[in-house]
Amino acid sequence: MSPWEQHDWIDLTQHLLDSYRRLIGCELIDRQNSAAADAESLFQVPFVVVAHGTQPDPLLSYGNATALDLWEISIPTLLKTPSRQTAEPVHRDERRSLLERTTRDGYVDDYRGIRISTTGKRFLIERATVWNVEDNEGKRIGQAATFDTWTPLEPNEPSR
């Protein structure tokens, strides 16, 4: 079974795409004629899409192939990982402020920040869009982010 056919990702993909369209006013990907085809397309796109749930310490709930490669993480590990661990401890307050701003405003489309892979590789993301994800009844079920611009950083290199 393909990754996008597992973990309830076909339904989650629809919530990600519908919430993005509703908040941003355009499609994240070219939509297909089926939820399964949308899930495959989103999983395969050459930009990052990642999401987390609404737990007090939210766990990652989705990562497409580009995100999995960038964070050097497997799907089973991703699904057990608190999303705060995608940022170094020194950058977590700034990340928390971003998520609070997203919760308040619905989305943010100008995010820039440093993230870290599971093997310790640091990278600067730029022009990221972060948005609230809702289910079909309008209940917030998480937040998601997408970006297509990132730059590897040296271990102790500050953001530029």
N, C-alpha and C. Protein backbone atom coordinates (compact mmCIF):
# COMPACT_ATOMS: atom_id res chain seq x y z
N MET A 1 0.85 -1.18 0.00
CA MET A 1 0.00 0.00 0.00
C MET A 1 0.90 1.25 0.00
N SER A 2 0.54 2.23 -0.80
CA SER A 2 1.31 3.47 -0.91
C SER A 2 1.16 4.31 0.35
N PRO A 3 2.16 5.14 0.66
CA PRO A 3 2.09 5.95 1.89
C PRO A 3 0.83 6.81 1.98
N TRP A 4 0.42 7.42 0.87
CA TRP A 4 -0.75 8.30 0.91
C TRP A 4 -2.06 7.55 1.09
N GLU A 5 -2.02 6.20 0.99
CA GLU A 5 -3.21 5.40 1.20
C GLU A 5 -3.32 4.90 2.65
N GLN A 6 -2.37 5.26 3.48
CA GLN A 6 -2.32 4.81 4.87
C GLN A 6 -2.58 5.98 5.81
N HIS A 7 -2.74 5.69 7.09
CA HIS A 7 -2.79 6.69 8.16
C HIS A 7 -3.92 7.69 8.01
N ASP A 8 -4.99 7.34 7.31
CA ASP A 8 -6.10 8.26 7.04
C ASP A 8 -5.66 9.50 6.26
N TRP A 9 -4.58 9.37 5.48
CA TRP A 9 -4.04 10.52 4.76
C TRP A 9 -4.90 10.93 3.57
N ILE A 10 -5.73 10.05 3.04
CA ILE A 10 -6.61 10.49 1.95
C ILE A 10 -7.59 11.52 2.49
N ASP A 11 -8.21 11.23 3.62
CA ASP A 11 -9.13 12.20 4.24
C ASP A 11 -8.38 13.45 4.70
N LEU A 12 -7.24 13.26 5.34
CA LEU A 12 -6.47 14.41 5.81
C LEU A 12 -6.06 15.30 4.64
N THR A 13 -5.66 14.70 3.54
CA THR A 13 -5.30 15.49 2.35
C THR A 13 -6.44 16.39 1.92
N GLN A 14 -7.66 15.87 1.92
CA GLN A 14 -8.81 16.69 1.53
C GLN A 14 -8.99 17.86 2.49
N HIS A 15 -8.80 17.62 3.79
CA HIS A 15 -8.91 18.71 4.77
C HIS A 15 -7.80 19.74 4.57
N LEU A 16 -6.58 19.27 4.31
CA LEU A 16 -5.47 20.18 4.06
C LEU A 16 -5.76 21.06 2.85
N LEU A 17 -6.17 20.43 1.75
CA LEU A 17 -6.41 21.16 0.51
C LEU A 17 -7.63 22.08 0.60
N ASP A 18 -8.71 21.59 1.20
CA ASP A 18 -9.91 22.42 1.34
C ASP A 18 -9.66 23.62 2.24
N SER A 19 -8.96 23.41 3.35
CA SER A 19 -8.65 24.52 4.28
C SER A 19 -7.74 25.54 3.61
N TYR A 20 -6.75 25.06 2.88
CA TYR A 20 -5.83 25.96 2.17
C TYR A 20 -6.63 26.83 1.18
N ARG A 21 -7.47 26.20 0.38
CA ARG A 21 -8.26 26.94 -0.62
C ARG A 21 -9.17 27.97 0.06
N ARG A 22 -9.83 27.57 1.13
CA ARG A 22 -10.75 28.46 1.83
C ARG A 22 -10.01 29.68 2.42
N LEU A 23 -8.85 29.45 3.01
CA LEU A 23 -8.12 30.54 3.68
C LEU A 23 -7.26 31.37 2.74
N ILE A 24 -6.59 30.72 1.80
CA ILE A 24 -5.63 31.41 0.94
C ILE A 24 -6.30 31.93 -0.33
N GLY A 25 -7.35 31.24 -0.77
CA GLY A 25 -8.08 31.69 -1.95
C GLY A 25 -7.61 31.08 -3.26
N CYS A 26 -6.76 30.07 -3.18
CA CYS A 26 -6.32 29.37 -4.38
C CYS A 26 -6.01 27.92 -4.00
N GLU A 27 -5.79 27.10 -5.01
CA GLU A 27 -5.48 25.69 -4.76
C GLU A 27 -4.00 25.52 -4.46
N LEU A 28 -3.67 24.60 -3.57
CA LEU A 28 -2.28 24.25 -3.28
C LEU A 28 -1.70 23.40 -4.40
N ILE A 29 -2.52 22.50 -4.95
CA ILE A 29 -2.13 21.66 -6.09
C ILE A 29 -3.28 21.66 -7.09
N ASP A 30 -3.01 21.17 -8.29
CA ASP A 30 -4.09 20.95 -9.24
C ASP A 30 -4.89 19.77 -8.73
N ARG A 31 -6.16 19.99 -8.41
CA ARG A 31 -7.01 18.93 -7.86
C ARG A 31 -7.38 17.94 -8.95
N GLN A 32 -7.50 16.70 -8.55
CA GLN A 32 -7.86 15.61 -9.45
C GLN A 32 -9.35 15.32 -9.30
N ASN A 33 -9.80 14.28 -9.92
CA ASN A 33 -11.20 13.89 -9.81
C ASN A 33 -11.47 12.90 -8.69
N SER A 34 -10.45 12.63 -7.88
CA SER A 34 -10.65 11.69 -6.77
C SER A 34 -9.77 12.08 -5.60
N ALA A 35 -10.26 11.78 -4.41
CA ALA A 35 -9.51 12.07 -3.19
C ALA A 35 -8.19 11.29 -3.18
N ALA A 36 -8.20 10.05 -3.65
CA ALA A 36 -6.97 9.24 -3.67
C ALA A 36 -5.94 9.85 -4.62
N ALA A 37 -6.38 10.35 -5.76
CA ALA A 37 -5.46 10.98 -6.70
C ALA A 37 -4.90 12.28 -6.11
N ASP A 38 -5.74 13.05 -5.41
CA ASP A 38 -5.25 14.26 -4.72
C ASP A 38 -4.19 13.89 -3.69
N ALA A 39 -4.44 12.82 -2.93
CA ALA A 39 -3.49 12.40 -1.90
C ALA A 39 -2.16 12.00 -2.52
N GLU A 40 -2.21 11.28 -3.63
CA GLU A 40 -0.96 10.90 -4.31
C GLU A 40 -0.24 12.13 -4.83
N SER A 41 -0.97 13.05 -5.45
CA SER A 41 -0.36 14.27 -5.98
C SER A 41 0.32 15.08 -4.89
N LEU A 42 -0.40 15.27 -3.77
CA LEU A 42 0.18 16.07 -2.68
C LEU A 42 1.42 15.39 -2.10
N PHE A 43 1.37 14.08 -1.99
CA PHE A 43 2.53 13.35 -1.45
C PHE A 43 3.74 13.49 -2.36
N GLN A 44 3.54 13.59 -3.67
CA GLN A 44 4.64 13.58 -4.63
C GLN A 44 5.15 14.96 -5.05
N VAL A 45 4.48 16.05 -4.68
CA VAL A 45 4.90 17.37 -5.16
C VAL A 45 6.32 17.69 -4.69
N PRO A 46 7.05 18.53 -5.48
CA PRO A 46 8.43 18.84 -5.14
C PRO A 46 8.60 19.98 -4.14
N PHE A 47 7.60 20.24 -3.33
CA PHE A 47 7.70 21.22 -2.26
C PHE A 47 7.20 20.56 -0.98
N VAL A 48 7.54 21.15 0.15
CA VAL A 48 7.21 20.58 1.45
C VAL A 48 5.76 20.85 1.82
N VAL A 49 5.10 19.83 2.33
CA VAL A 49 3.81 19.96 3.01
C VAL A 49 3.90 19.10 4.25
N VAL A 50 3.67 19.72 5.39
CA VAL A 50 3.75 19.03 6.68
C VAL A 50 2.61 19.53 7.55
N ALA A 51 2.12 18.67 8.45
CA ALA A 51 1.00 19.07 9.31
C ALA A 51 1.15 18.45 10.69
N HIS A 52 0.48 19.09 11.66
CA HIS A 52 0.40 18.51 13.00
C HIS A 52 -1.03 18.64 13.52
N GLY A 53 -1.30 17.89 14.58
CA GLY A 53 -2.64 17.86 15.18
C GLY A 53 -2.85 18.98 16.17
N THR A 54 -3.82 18.78 17.06
CA THR A 54 -4.22 19.81 18.02
C THR A 54 -3.94 19.42 19.46
N GLN A 55 -3.14 18.39 19.68
CA GLN A 55 -2.81 17.99 21.04
C GLN A 55 -2.10 19.15 21.76
N PRO A 56 -2.05 19.12 23.09
CA PRO A 56 -1.32 20.18 23.81
C PRO A 56 0.14 20.31 23.34
N ASP A 57 0.78 19.20 23.02
CA ASP A 57 2.12 19.19 22.42
C ASP A 57 1.94 18.47 21.08
N PRO A 58 1.51 19.20 20.04
CA PRO A 58 1.03 18.56 18.81
C PRO A 58 2.03 17.60 18.17
N LEU A 59 1.51 16.44 17.78
CA LEU A 59 2.29 15.46 17.04
C LEU A 59 2.14 15.72 15.55
N LEU A 60 3.22 15.46 14.83
CA LEU A 60 3.14 15.55 13.38
C LEU A 60 2.11 14.53 12.90
N SER A 61 1.32 14.92 11.93
CA SER A 61 0.27 14.03 11.42
C SER A 61 0.40 13.77 9.93
N TYR A 62 1.26 14.54 9.24
CA TYR A 62 1.42 14.37 7.81
C TYR A 62 2.77 14.95 7.39
N GLY A 63 3.39 14.29 6.45
CA GLY A 63 4.58 14.81 5.78
C GLY A 63 4.63 14.20 4.40
N ASN A 64 4.74 15.03 3.38
CA ASN A 64 4.84 14.46 2.05
C ASN A 64 6.28 14.00 1.80
N ALA A 65 6.53 13.43 0.64
CA ALA A 65 7.85 12.84 0.36
C ALA A 65 8.96 13.88 0.50
N THR A 66 8.72 15.10 0.05
CA THR A 66 9.74 16.15 0.15
C THR A 66 10.03 16.47 1.61
N ALA A 67 9.00 16.55 2.43
CA ALA A 67 9.19 16.81 3.87
C ALA A 67 9.94 15.66 4.53
N LEU A 68 9.56 14.44 4.21
CA LEU A 68 10.24 13.27 4.80
C LEU A 68 11.72 13.28 4.45
N ASP A 69 12.05 13.61 3.21
CA ASP A 69 13.45 13.68 2.80
C ASP A 69 14.18 14.81 3.52
N LEU A 70 13.57 15.99 3.57
CA LEU A 70 14.22 17.15 4.18
C LEU A 70 14.48 16.92 5.66
N TRP A 71 13.51 16.38 6.37
CA TRP A 71 13.67 16.14 7.81
C TRP A 71 14.34 14.79 8.10
N GLU A 72 14.61 14.02 7.05
CA GLU A 72 15.29 12.72 7.21
C GLU A 72 14.56 11.85 8.24
N ILE A 73 13.29 11.61 7.94
CA ILE A 73 12.44 10.93 8.89
C ILE A 73 11.53 9.92 8.16
N SER A 74 11.26 8.82 8.81
CA SER A 74 10.32 7.84 8.26
C SER A 74 8.90 8.21 8.69
N ILE A 75 7.93 7.68 8.00
CA ILE A 75 6.54 7.97 8.36
C ILE A 75 6.21 7.48 9.78
N PRO A 76 6.57 6.24 10.16
CA PRO A 76 6.25 5.82 11.54
C PRO A 76 6.86 6.73 12.60
N THR A 77 8.09 7.20 12.36
CA THR A 77 8.73 8.10 13.32
C THR A 77 8.06 9.48 13.29
N LEU A 78 7.75 9.96 12.10
CA LEU A 78 7.08 11.25 11.96
C LEU A 78 5.80 11.28 12.78
N LEU A 79 5.01 10.24 12.70
CA LEU A 79 3.71 10.22 13.36
C LEU A 79 3.81 10.15 14.89
N LYS A 80 5.00 9.91 15.42
CA LYS A 80 5.21 9.88 16.87
C LYS A 80 5.98 11.11 17.34
N THR A 81 6.30 12.03 16.44
CA THR A 81 7.18 13.16 16.75
C THR A 81 6.39 14.42 17.07
N PRO A 82 6.63 15.01 18.24
CA PRO A 82 6.05 16.33 18.52
C PRO A 82 6.59 17.34 17.50
N SER A 83 5.72 18.15 16.95
CA SER A 83 6.15 19.07 15.89
C SER A 83 7.19 20.08 16.38
N ARG A 84 7.21 20.36 17.69
CA ARG A 84 8.21 21.30 18.21
C ARG A 84 9.63 20.81 17.95
N GLN A 85 9.79 19.49 17.78
CA GLN A 85 11.13 18.94 17.57
C GLN A 85 11.67 19.20 16.16
N THR A 86 10.86 19.81 15.30
CA THR A 86 11.37 20.19 13.98
C THR A 86 12.21 21.46 14.06
N ALA A 87 12.19 22.12 15.22
CA ALA A 87 12.98 23.32 15.45
C ALA A 87 13.93 23.06 16.61
N GLU A 88 15.09 23.69 16.56
CA GLU A 88 16.02 23.59 17.68
C GLU A 88 15.41 24.28 18.90
N PRO A 89 15.79 23.85 20.11
CA PRO A 89 15.24 24.48 21.31
C PRO A 89 15.34 26.01 21.31
N VAL A 90 16.44 26.55 20.81
CA VAL A 90 16.64 28.00 20.81
C VAL A 90 15.64 28.72 19.91
N HIS A 91 15.04 28.02 18.95
CA HIS A 91 14.09 28.63 18.02
C HIS A 91 12.62 28.29 18.33
N ARG A 92 12.38 27.59 19.41
CA ARG A 92 11.02 27.11 19.68
C ARG A 92 10.07 28.22 20.14
N ASP A 93 10.56 29.24 20.84
CA ASP A 93 9.68 30.35 21.23
C ASP A 93 9.19 31.10 20.00
N GLU A 94 10.08 31.32 19.05
CA GLU A 94 9.72 32.00 17.81
C GLU A 94 8.71 31.15 17.03
N ARG A 95 8.91 29.85 17.01
CA ARG A 95 7.98 28.92 16.35
C ARG A 95 6.61 28.96 17.03
N ARG A 96 6.61 28.97 18.35
CA ARG A 96 5.35 29.02 19.10
C ARG A 96 4.59 30.31 18.77
N SER A 97 5.29 31.42 18.65
CA SER A 97 4.64 32.69 18.28
C SER A 97 4.01 32.60 16.90
N LEU A 98 4.70 31.96 15.97
CA LEU A 98 4.15 31.76 14.63
C LEU A 98 2.84 30.97 14.69
N LEU A 99 2.83 29.88 15.46
CA LEU A 99 1.63 29.05 15.53
C LEU A 99 0.48 29.78 16.21
N GLU A 100 0.79 30.59 17.21
CA GLU A 100 -0.26 31.39 17.86
C GLU A 100 -0.83 32.42 16.88
N ARG A 101 0.05 33.05 16.10
CA ARG A 101 -0.39 34.02 15.09
C ARG A 101 -1.27 33.33 14.04
N THR A 102 -0.89 32.11 13.65
CA THR A 102 -1.67 31.35 12.67
C THR A 102 -3.04 31.01 13.24
N THR A 103 -3.08 30.56 14.49
CA THR A 103 -4.36 30.23 15.14
C THR A 103 -5.27 31.46 15.13
N ARG A 104 -4.72 32.60 15.46
CA ARG A 104 -5.50 33.84 15.54
C ARG A 104 -5.98 34.33 14.17
N ASP A 105 -5.07 34.32 13.17
CA ASP A 105 -5.34 34.94 11.88
C ASP A 105 -5.83 33.97 10.80
N GLY A 106 -5.74 32.67 11.05
CA GLY A 106 -6.15 31.68 10.06
C GLY A 106 -5.01 31.17 9.22
N TYR A 107 -4.12 32.08 8.83
CA TYR A 107 -2.92 31.68 8.09
C TYR A 107 -1.88 32.78 8.16
N VAL A 108 -0.65 32.40 7.88
CA VAL A 108 0.49 33.30 7.79
C VAL A 108 1.20 32.92 6.50
N ASP A 109 1.55 33.91 5.68
CA ASP A 109 2.19 33.58 4.41
C ASP A 109 3.58 34.20 4.23
N ASP A 110 4.19 34.57 5.35
CA ASP A 110 5.50 35.23 5.26
C ASP A 110 6.51 34.66 6.25
N TYR A 111 6.37 33.38 6.60
CA TYR A 111 7.21 32.82 7.64
C TYR A 111 8.61 32.51 7.13
N ARG A 112 9.58 32.76 8.01
CA ARG A 112 10.99 32.47 7.75
C ARG A 112 11.57 31.98 9.07
N GLY A 113 12.26 30.84 9.04
CA GLY A 113 12.84 30.33 10.28
C GLY A 113 13.76 29.16 10.04
N ILE A 114 14.47 28.80 11.09
CA ILE A 114 15.43 27.69 11.03
C ILE A 114 14.77 26.44 11.57
N ARG A 115 15.00 25.34 10.88
CA ARG A 115 14.51 24.03 11.29
C ARG A 115 15.69 23.06 11.32
N ILE A 116 15.45 21.89 11.88
CA ILE A 116 16.52 20.90 12.04
C ILE A 116 15.96 19.50 11.73
N SER A 117 16.76 18.73 11.00
CA SER A 117 16.35 17.37 10.66
C SER A 117 16.62 16.44 11.84
N THR A 118 16.16 15.21 11.71
CA THR A 118 16.36 14.24 12.79
C THR A 118 17.82 13.86 12.96
N THR A 119 18.65 14.14 11.94
CA THR A 119 20.08 13.84 12.06
C THR A 119 20.89 15.08 12.42
N GLY A 120 20.21 16.20 12.70
CA GLY A 120 20.90 17.42 13.14
C GLY A 120 21.25 18.39 12.03
N LYS A 121 20.85 18.12 10.80
CA LYS A 121 21.11 19.07 9.72
C LYS A 121 20.15 20.23 9.85
N ARG A 122 20.71 21.45 9.82
CA ARG A 122 19.93 22.66 9.98
C ARG A 122 19.64 23.27 8.61
N PHE A 123 18.48 23.91 8.47
CA PHE A 123 18.16 24.57 7.22
C PHE A 123 17.24 25.75 7.49
N LEU A 124 17.37 26.77 6.67
CA LEU A 124 16.56 27.98 6.77
C LEU A 124 15.42 27.85 5.77
N ILE A 125 14.19 27.96 6.25
CA ILE A 125 13.05 27.97 5.35
C ILE A 125 12.60 29.41 5.16
N GLU A 126 12.14 29.70 3.95
CA GLU A 126 11.71 31.06 3.63
C GLU A 126 10.39 31.02 2.86
N ARG A 127 9.62 32.08 3.02
CA ARG A 127 8.35 32.23 2.32
C ARG A 127 7.42 31.05 2.55
N ALA A 128 7.36 30.60 3.78
CA ALA A 128 6.46 29.50 4.13
C ALA A 128 5.07 30.03 4.41
N THR A 129 4.09 29.24 4.05
CA THR A 129 2.70 29.52 4.40
C THR A 129 2.27 28.49 5.43
N VAL A 130 1.70 28.96 6.52
CA VAL A 130 1.20 28.11 7.59
C VAL A 130 -0.28 28.42 7.74
N TRP A 131 -1.11 27.38 7.83
CA TRP A 131 -2.55 27.61 7.91
C TRP A 131 -3.22 26.63 8.85
N ASN A 132 -4.39 27.06 9.36
CA ASN A 132 -5.22 26.20 10.20
C ASN A 132 -5.95 25.20 9.32
N VAL A 133 -6.03 23.97 9.78
CA VAL A 133 -6.71 22.91 9.05
C VAL A 133 -7.99 22.57 9.80
N GLU A 134 -9.10 22.55 9.06
CA GLU A 134 -10.40 22.23 9.65
C GLU A 134 -11.00 21.01 8.97
N ASP A 135 -11.86 20.31 9.71
CA ASP A 135 -12.58 19.18 9.13
C ASP A 135 -13.83 19.70 8.41
N ASN A 136 -14.66 18.79 7.94
CA ASN A 136 -15.85 19.18 7.17
C ASN A 136 -16.87 19.95 7.99
N GLU A 137 -16.81 19.84 9.31
CA GLU A 137 -17.75 20.57 10.17
C GLU A 137 -17.18 21.90 10.65
N GLY A 138 -15.99 22.26 10.19
CA GLY A 138 -15.38 23.52 10.58
C GLY A 138 -14.60 23.47 11.89
N LYS A 139 -14.38 22.27 12.43
CA LYS A 139 -13.61 22.12 13.66
C LYS A 139 -12.12 22.08 13.30
N ARG A 140 -11.34 22.89 14.03
CA ARG A 140 -9.89 22.90 13.77
C ARG A 140 -9.29 21.57 14.20
N ILE A 141 -8.59 20.91 13.26
CA ILE A 141 -7.97 19.61 13.53
C ILE A 141 -6.45 19.67 13.47
N GLY A 142 -5.91 20.86 13.21
CA GLY A 142 -4.46 20.99 13.18
C GLY A 142 -4.02 22.23 12.43
N GLN A 143 -2.74 22.22 12.12
CA GLN A 143 -2.14 23.28 11.32
C GLN A 143 -1.20 22.62 10.34
N ALA A 144 -1.00 23.28 9.21
CA ALA A 144 -0.12 22.74 8.17
C ALA A 144 0.78 23.85 7.67
N ALA A 145 1.86 23.44 7.02
CA ALA A 145 2.80 24.40 6.44
C ALA A 145 3.26 23.89 5.09
N THR A 146 3.57 24.82 4.23
CA THR A 146 4.15 24.50 2.94
C THR A 146 5.20 25.53 2.59
N PHE A 147 6.24 25.06 1.94
CA PHE A 147 7.28 25.96 1.44
C PHE A 147 8.08 25.21 0.38
N ASP A 148 8.70 26.01 -0.51
CA ASP A 148 9.52 25.41 -1.54
C ASP A 148 10.93 25.98 -1.56
N THR A 149 11.24 26.80 -0.56
CA THR A 149 12.56 27.42 -0.50
C THR A 149 13.20 27.12 0.84
N TRP A 150 14.34 26.44 0.79
CA TRP A 150 15.12 26.20 2.00
C TRP A 150 16.59 26.16 1.62
N THR A 151 17.41 26.56 2.59
CA THR A 151 18.85 26.63 2.38
C THR A 151 19.55 25.87 3.50
N PRO A 152 20.41 24.91 3.15
CA PRO A 152 21.17 24.22 4.21
C PRO A 152 22.06 25.21 4.95
N LEU A 153 22.21 25.01 6.26
CA LEU A 153 23.05 25.86 7.09
C LEU A 153 24.16 25.02 7.70
N GLU A 154 25.26 25.66 7.95
CA GLU A 154 26.33 24.99 8.68
C GLU A 154 25.88 24.80 10.13
N PRO A 155 26.49 23.88 10.86
CA PRO A 155 26.02 23.59 12.23
C PRO A 155 25.82 24.80 13.12
N ASN A 156 26.67 25.78 13.10
CA ASN A 156 26.54 26.93 13.99
C ASN A 156 26.23 28.23 13.26
N GLU A 157 25.83 28.13 12.00
CA GLU A 157 25.56 29.33 11.20
C GLU A 157 24.23 29.96 11.63
N PRO A 158 24.23 31.26 11.91
CA PRO A 158 22.97 31.93 12.26
C PRO A 158 22.13 32.14 11.01
N SER A 159 20.85 32.48 11.20
CA SER A 159 20.00 32.78 10.05
C SER A 159 20.49 34.06 9.41
N ARG A 160 20.24 34.18 8.13
CA ARG A 160 20.70 35.37 7.40
C ARG A 160 19.61 36.38 7.28
